[in-house]
Amino acid sequence: MAVNVRFEDGPARGQVVRYGYMSIPLPSLFWTDSSSGSGAVYRRVEELPDVTGAWRYRHYVPLPG
């Protein structure tokens, strides 16, 4: 099983990512930009996926530094 995640805002805004190793959506995710190395924390928005089956994540918190 896999989990599809849609990032609603922050540096990953608009990306839909398929996490093939996850069987359930986690309450929070850490996202890292492979080109710049910057990262952010995202939190799941709702208890159910949207109509496309993707779990929505938002409210990123920039990491210090």
N, C-alpha and C. Protein backbone atom coordinates (compact mmCIF):
# COMPACT_ATOMS: atom_id res chain seq x y z
N MET A 1 0.83 -1.18 0.00
CA MET A 1 0.00 0.00 0.00
C MET A 1 0.88 1.25 0.00
N ALA A 2 0.36 2.32 -0.55
CA ALA A 2 1.10 3.58 -0.62
C ALA A 2 0.18 4.72 -0.19
N VAL A 3 0.80 5.85 0.14
CA VAL A 3 0.05 7.04 0.55
C VAL A 3 0.44 8.19 -0.39
N ASN A 4 -0.56 8.83 -0.99
CA ASN A 4 -0.34 10.02 -1.80
C ASN A 4 -0.53 11.25 -0.93
N VAL A 5 0.41 12.19 -1.03
CA VAL A 5 0.40 13.40 -0.21
C VAL A 5 0.42 14.62 -1.12
N ARG A 6 -0.46 15.59 -0.85
CA ARG A 6 -0.47 16.87 -1.57
C ARG A 6 -0.03 17.96 -0.60
N PHE A 7 1.04 18.67 -0.95
CA PHE A 7 1.54 19.77 -0.13
C PHE A 7 0.82 21.05 -0.56
N GLU A 8 0.10 21.66 0.37
CA GLU A 8 -0.76 22.81 0.07
C GLU A 8 -0.03 24.14 0.07
N ASP A 9 1.04 24.29 0.85
CA ASP A 9 1.72 25.58 0.94
C ASP A 9 3.19 25.36 1.28
N GLY A 10 3.90 26.44 1.53
CA GLY A 10 5.31 26.32 1.88
C GLY A 10 6.19 26.00 0.69
N PRO A 11 7.42 25.58 0.93
CA PRO A 11 8.37 25.35 -0.17
C PRO A 11 7.99 24.19 -1.09
N ALA A 12 7.17 23.27 -0.63
CA ALA A 12 6.77 22.12 -1.46
C ALA A 12 5.40 22.34 -2.10
N ARG A 13 4.91 23.55 -2.05
CA ARG A 13 3.57 23.88 -2.54
C ARG A 13 3.27 23.30 -3.92
N GLY A 14 2.12 22.64 -4.01
CA GLY A 14 1.66 22.10 -5.28
C GLY A 14 2.18 20.71 -5.62
N GLN A 15 3.15 20.22 -4.90
CA GLN A 15 3.69 18.89 -5.18
C GLN A 15 2.77 17.79 -4.65
N VAL A 16 2.62 16.75 -5.44
CA VAL A 16 1.92 15.54 -5.00
C VAL A 16 2.96 14.43 -5.03
N VAL A 17 3.17 13.81 -3.89
CA VAL A 17 4.22 12.80 -3.75
C VAL A 17 3.60 11.49 -3.32
N ARG A 18 4.05 10.40 -3.92
CA ARG A 18 3.58 9.06 -3.56
C ARG A 18 4.64 8.41 -2.68
N TYR A 19 4.26 8.12 -1.44
CA TYR A 19 5.15 7.46 -0.49
C TYR A 19 4.80 5.97 -0.49
N GLY A 20 5.57 5.19 -1.24
CA GLY A 20 5.30 3.77 -1.39
C GLY A 20 5.59 2.94 -0.17
N TYR A 21 6.38 3.46 0.74
CA TYR A 21 6.75 2.71 1.93
C TYR A 21 5.80 2.96 3.10
N MET A 22 4.86 3.89 2.97
CA MET A 22 3.92 4.20 4.05
C MET A 22 2.59 3.49 3.80
N SER A 23 2.03 2.89 4.84
CA SER A 23 0.72 2.25 4.70
C SER A 23 -0.39 3.10 5.31
N ILE A 24 -0.04 4.07 6.16
CA ILE A 24 -1.01 5.00 6.74
C ILE A 24 -0.42 6.41 6.66
N PRO A 25 -1.26 7.45 6.58
CA PRO A 25 -0.74 8.82 6.56
C PRO A 25 -0.30 9.23 7.96
N LEU A 26 0.90 9.73 8.08
CA LEU A 26 1.42 10.17 9.37
C LEU A 26 0.86 11.54 9.72
N PRO A 27 0.79 11.88 11.01
CA PRO A 27 0.28 13.20 11.40
C PRO A 27 1.18 14.35 10.94
N SER A 28 2.48 14.11 10.82
CA SER A 28 3.43 15.12 10.35
C SER A 28 4.45 14.47 9.43
N LEU A 29 4.97 15.28 8.50
CA LEU A 29 6.02 14.82 7.58
C LEU A 29 7.13 15.86 7.54
N PHE A 30 8.36 15.42 7.34
CA PHE A 30 9.47 16.31 7.11
C PHE A 30 9.82 16.24 5.63
N TRP A 31 9.81 17.37 4.95
CA TRP A 31 10.11 17.44 3.52
C TRP A 31 11.46 18.11 3.34
N THR A 32 12.28 17.59 2.43
CA THR A 32 13.59 18.18 2.13
C THR A 32 13.71 18.41 0.63
N ASP A 33 14.19 19.58 0.25
CA ASP A 33 14.46 19.90 -1.15
C ASP A 33 15.83 19.32 -1.50
N SER A 34 15.86 18.41 -2.45
CA SER A 34 17.11 17.72 -2.78
C SER A 34 18.14 18.66 -3.42
N SER A 35 17.71 19.73 -4.06
CA SER A 35 18.68 20.62 -4.70
C SER A 35 19.30 21.64 -3.74
N SER A 36 18.51 22.16 -2.81
CA SER A 36 19.04 23.18 -1.90
C SER A 36 19.32 22.65 -0.50
N GLY A 37 18.72 21.52 -0.15
CA GLY A 37 18.90 20.97 1.18
C GLY A 37 18.01 21.60 2.23
N SER A 38 17.18 22.57 1.84
CA SER A 38 16.28 23.19 2.82
C SER A 38 15.14 22.22 3.14
N GLY A 39 14.53 22.41 4.29
CA GLY A 39 13.48 21.50 4.70
C GLY A 39 12.36 22.20 5.44
N ALA A 40 11.27 21.49 5.65
CA ALA A 40 10.12 22.04 6.36
C ALA A 40 9.31 20.89 6.96
N VAL A 41 8.57 21.22 8.01
CA VAL A 41 7.69 20.26 8.64
C VAL A 41 6.26 20.55 8.18
N TYR A 42 5.55 19.52 7.78
CA TYR A 42 4.16 19.63 7.33
C TYR A 42 3.28 18.80 8.24
N ARG A 43 2.05 19.29 8.45
CA ARG A 43 1.08 18.56 9.26
C ARG A 43 -0.13 18.20 8.41
N ARG A 44 -0.70 17.01 8.67
CA ARG A 44 -1.88 16.55 7.95
C ARG A 44 -3.06 17.47 8.29
N VAL A 45 -3.85 17.83 7.28
CA VAL A 45 -4.95 18.77 7.44
C VAL A 45 -6.23 18.10 7.94
N GLU A 46 -6.57 16.94 7.39
CA GLU A 46 -7.85 16.32 7.67
C GLU A 46 -7.69 14.85 8.01
N GLU A 47 -8.75 14.25 8.50
CA GLU A 47 -8.74 12.84 8.87
C GLU A 47 -9.07 11.92 7.68
N LEU A 48 -9.46 12.49 6.55
CA LEU A 48 -9.77 11.72 5.35
C LEU A 48 -9.06 12.34 4.16
N PRO A 49 -8.72 11.53 3.14
CA PRO A 49 -8.08 12.10 1.94
C PRO A 49 -9.08 12.92 1.13
N ASP A 50 -8.56 13.74 0.20
CA ASP A 50 -9.45 14.52 -0.67
C ASP A 50 -10.05 13.63 -1.75
N VAL A 51 -10.82 14.21 -2.66
CA VAL A 51 -11.54 13.43 -3.66
C VAL A 51 -10.61 12.68 -4.62
N THR A 52 -9.35 13.12 -4.74
CA THR A 52 -8.40 12.43 -5.62
C THR A 52 -7.67 11.30 -4.88
N GLY A 53 -7.92 11.18 -3.57
CA GLY A 53 -7.25 10.15 -2.78
C GLY A 53 -5.96 10.61 -2.13
N ALA A 54 -5.60 11.89 -2.31
CA ALA A 54 -4.38 12.42 -1.72
C ALA A 54 -4.67 13.00 -0.33
N TRP A 55 -3.76 12.79 0.58
CA TRP A 55 -3.84 13.38 1.91
C TRP A 55 -3.24 14.77 1.84
N ARG A 56 -3.95 15.78 2.34
CA ARG A 56 -3.49 17.17 2.27
C ARG A 56 -2.66 17.50 3.51
N TYR A 57 -1.52 18.14 3.27
CA TYR A 57 -0.63 18.57 4.34
C TYR A 57 -0.34 20.06 4.18
N ARG A 58 -0.33 20.80 5.29
CA ARG A 58 0.00 22.23 5.25
C ARG A 58 0.54 22.69 6.59
N HIS A 59 0.63 23.99 6.78
CA HIS A 59 1.15 24.63 8.00
C HIS A 59 2.62 24.31 8.20
N TYR A 60 3.40 24.58 7.19
CA TYR A 60 4.84 24.27 7.33
C TYR A 60 5.47 25.19 8.36
N VAL A 61 6.47 24.69 8.99
CA VAL A 61 7.25 25.44 9.97
C VAL A 61 8.69 25.46 9.46
N PRO A 62 9.21 26.64 9.08
CA PRO A 62 10.60 26.69 8.60
C PRO A 62 11.57 26.25 9.70
N LEU A 63 12.58 25.54 9.29
CA LEU A 63 13.60 25.11 10.24
C LEU A 63 14.59 26.23 10.50
N PRO A 64 15.09 26.35 11.73
CA PRO A 64 16.07 27.42 12.01
C PRO A 64 17.36 27.25 11.22
N GLY A 65 17.92 28.36 10.87
CA GLY A 65 19.21 28.33 10.20
C GLY A 65 19.09 28.36 8.74
